[in-house]
Amino acid sequence: MTNAAATPPPAPAAAPADAFKVASLAVGDSVNAEHKVRKAEDHFAPNQKTLYASVLTDGSTNGATLNATWRYLEGKGQLVSSISQRIATSGPATTTFKVENPNLWPEGKYKVDITLDGKQVASQNFEVKKR
């Protein structure tokens, strides 16, 4: 009988340090000169015409597709908008998505989902209601 210790399985390969990934998502009603949401919020007034989602990414890519899908969650749920942007970057970057409504937003719960090359990587729930 041998007393050999079991060899542990190899550790999963770590992503390269410069692997492209989504670092954060913020939703708000305005952006600054760097296209970042000025103040992240989760409640908006029905008369707020434009909403923004700022997606901060790290790493490098020669071409990745970010998509923002905005949904109204009340009742049967309804697609508000789906927007894709193809990006190439060699470091931290901000990609901003905008959704507009010239009328009043229906009150209720909403959600924006962010996908990177078709895989969901971030989401944010928010609500529209009278303040």
Protein backbone atom coordinates (compact mmCIF):
# COMPACT_ATOMS: atom_id res chain seq x y z
CA MET A 1 0.00 0.00 0.00
CA THR A 2 1.45 3.35 -1.01
CA ASN A 3 0.95 6.54 0.86
CA ALA A 4 0.85 8.80 -2.20
CA ALA A 5 -1.07 12.00 -1.73
CA ALA A 6 -3.79 12.66 -4.25
CA THR A 7 -2.77 15.22 -6.83
CA PRO A 8 -5.22 18.12 -6.85
CA PRO A 9 -6.84 18.91 -10.18
CA PRO A 10 -5.26 21.76 -12.09
CA ALA A 11 -6.69 25.18 -11.34
CA PRO A 12 -8.88 26.69 -14.05
CA ALA A 13 -6.96 28.92 -16.38
CA ALA A 14 -7.13 32.50 -15.21
CA ALA A 15 -8.28 35.10 -17.67
CA PRO A 16 -5.41 37.16 -19.05
CA ALA A 17 -4.85 40.38 -17.12
CA ASP A 18 -5.98 42.40 -20.13
CA ALA A 19 -9.08 40.27 -20.86
CA PHE A 20 -11.98 42.46 -21.96
CA LYS A 21 -14.79 42.62 -19.39
CA VAL A 22 -17.59 44.83 -18.12
CA ALA A 23 -16.53 46.52 -14.89
CA SER A 24 -19.73 48.38 -13.99
CA LEU A 25 -23.12 49.65 -15.12
CA ALA A 26 -24.82 52.87 -14.04
CA VAL A 27 -28.23 54.23 -15.05
CA GLY A 28 -29.04 57.93 -14.79
CA ASP A 29 -30.66 60.93 -16.46
CA SER A 30 -27.50 62.74 -17.62
CA VAL A 31 -23.89 62.06 -18.59
CA ASN A 32 -20.69 64.07 -18.27
CA ALA A 33 -18.08 64.88 -20.93
CA GLU A 34 -16.55 61.39 -20.49
CA HIS A 35 -19.97 59.84 -21.27
CA LYS A 36 -20.33 58.53 -17.72
CA VAL A 37 -23.65 58.81 -15.87
CA ARG A 38 -23.35 61.83 -13.56
CA LYS A 39 -25.38 60.29 -10.73
CA ALA A 40 -26.56 56.68 -10.70
CA GLU A 41 -30.25 56.45 -9.84
CA ASP A 42 -32.94 53.81 -9.62
CA HIS A 43 -36.01 56.12 -9.66
CA PHE A 44 -37.00 58.52 -12.42
CA ALA A 45 -39.93 60.88 -12.99
CA PRO A 46 -42.37 60.06 -15.81
CA ASN A 47 -41.47 63.32 -17.58
CA GLN A 48 -37.75 62.49 -17.74
CA LYS A 49 -37.31 62.36 -21.52
CA THR A 50 -33.91 60.62 -21.73
CA LEU A 51 -32.29 57.86 -19.70
CA TYR A 52 -28.69 56.70 -20.03
CA ALA A 53 -26.81 53.51 -19.21
CA SER A 54 -23.03 53.89 -18.90
CA VAL A 55 -21.08 50.67 -19.25
CA LEU A 56 -17.50 50.84 -18.00
CA THR A 57 -15.18 48.20 -19.45
CA ASP A 58 -11.64 47.07 -18.68
CA GLY A 59 -9.12 45.27 -20.84
CA SER A 60 -8.58 45.26 -24.56
CA THR A 61 -10.52 44.03 -27.56
CA ASN A 62 -10.21 44.36 -31.31
CA GLY A 63 -13.98 44.19 -31.58
CA ALA A 64 -16.65 43.28 -29.07
CA THR A 65 -20.36 43.93 -29.22
CA LEU A 66 -22.13 45.47 -26.26
CA ASN A 67 -25.92 45.50 -26.28
CA ALA A 68 -28.38 47.28 -23.99
CA THR A 69 -31.92 45.91 -23.85
CA TRP A 70 -34.39 48.17 -22.05
CA ARG A 71 -37.65 46.56 -20.84
CA TYR A 72 -40.83 47.72 -19.15
CA LEU A 73 -41.57 44.93 -16.66
CA GLU A 74 -45.22 45.64 -15.80
CA GLY A 75 -48.02 43.43 -17.13
CA LYS A 76 -46.75 41.14 -19.87
CA GLY A 77 -43.49 43.04 -20.08
CA GLN A 78 -42.55 45.05 -23.12
CA LEU A 79 -39.37 45.69 -25.06
CA VAL A 80 -38.62 49.42 -24.99
CA SER A 81 -35.36 49.42 -26.95
CA SER A 82 -32.45 47.19 -27.91
CA ILE A 83 -29.26 48.92 -29.04
CA SER A 84 -25.90 47.37 -29.97
CA GLN A 85 -22.52 49.05 -30.26
CA ARG A 86 -19.35 47.43 -31.57
CA ILE A 87 -16.26 48.68 -29.77
CA ALA A 88 -12.50 48.30 -29.96
CA THR A 89 -10.27 49.48 -27.12
CA SER A 90 -6.88 48.86 -25.58
CA GLY A 91 -7.81 49.88 -22.04
CA PRO A 92 -10.60 51.18 -19.82
CA ALA A 93 -13.50 52.63 -21.80
CA THR A 94 -17.04 53.90 -21.33
CA THR A 95 -19.86 53.00 -23.69
CA THR A 96 -23.11 54.91 -23.26
CA PHE A 97 -26.57 53.79 -24.31
CA LYS A 98 -29.48 56.22 -24.47
CA VAL A 99 -33.23 55.65 -24.56
CA GLU A 100 -35.68 58.48 -25.18
CA ASN A 101 -39.40 58.94 -24.82
CA PRO A 102 -40.95 62.19 -26.11
CA ASN A 103 -44.06 61.39 -24.06
CA LEU A 104 -44.44 60.50 -20.40
CA TRP A 105 -42.86 57.19 -19.38
CA PRO A 106 -45.49 54.78 -18.04
CA GLU A 107 -45.08 54.42 -14.30
CA GLY A 108 -43.73 51.09 -13.13
CA LYS A 109 -40.68 48.87 -13.02
CA TYR A 110 -38.05 48.73 -15.77
CA LYS A 111 -34.81 46.89 -16.39
CA VAL A 112 -31.79 47.34 -18.62
CA ASP A 113 -29.74 44.24 -19.46
CA ILE A 114 -26.21 44.51 -20.85
CA THR A 115 -24.73 41.73 -22.95
CA LEU A 116 -21.17 41.32 -24.16
CA ASP A 117 -20.95 39.29 -27.38
CA GLY A 118 -24.39 37.83 -26.62
CA LYS A 119 -23.76 36.87 -22.96
CA GLN A 120 -25.49 38.81 -20.20
CA VAL A 121 -22.90 40.53 -18.02
CA ALA A 122 -24.84 43.20 -16.10
CA SER A 123 -28.37 44.39 -15.37
CA GLN A 124 -30.02 47.21 -13.48
CA ASN A 125 -33.60 47.52 -12.29
CA PHE A 126 -35.16 50.95 -11.97
CA GLU A 127 -38.58 52.48 -11.45
CA VAL A 128 -40.51 55.34 -12.99
CA LYS A 129 -42.90 57.08 -10.60
CA LYS A 130 -44.08 60.55 -9.68
CA ARG A 131 -41.76 62.19 -7.19
